[in-house]
Amino acid sequence: MSNRPGGLFEIECPDCKTVLTIDPRARRIFHSVSKDEDGNTRSFEDAVKDATAGPDKAQKVFEEGIAAEEGKEERLDDMFKKGLEKAEEDPNKKPPSIFDFD
């Protein structure tokens, strides 16, 4: 614990290593600083910004997934047609066996 001017004091959580700055007169947490997965410090305000940006990020990921799926059916149909044509060229040819690659 370290004393700060104005009666504020800091406490570090032994579990998550978050540093809480407490205002005893107001009986509330004045400020908190935690560390992210990389060990970089983040403030509570940054965490709130990340949490409120969640729906926007989810929408962006969803739209990217939809864009990636567009045209996939045509590509798979083309691949199937090419494979079918290749099989029709020589109908007696056996497919490769797993033992052929030894």
Foldseek 3Di string as FASTA:
>chain_A
DDADPPQWDWDADPPQRKIFIARVVVGDTPWIWGADPVRDIDTPVVVVVVVVCVVVVVVVVVVVVVVVCPPPVVVVVVVVVVVVVVCVVPVVDDDDDPVVVD
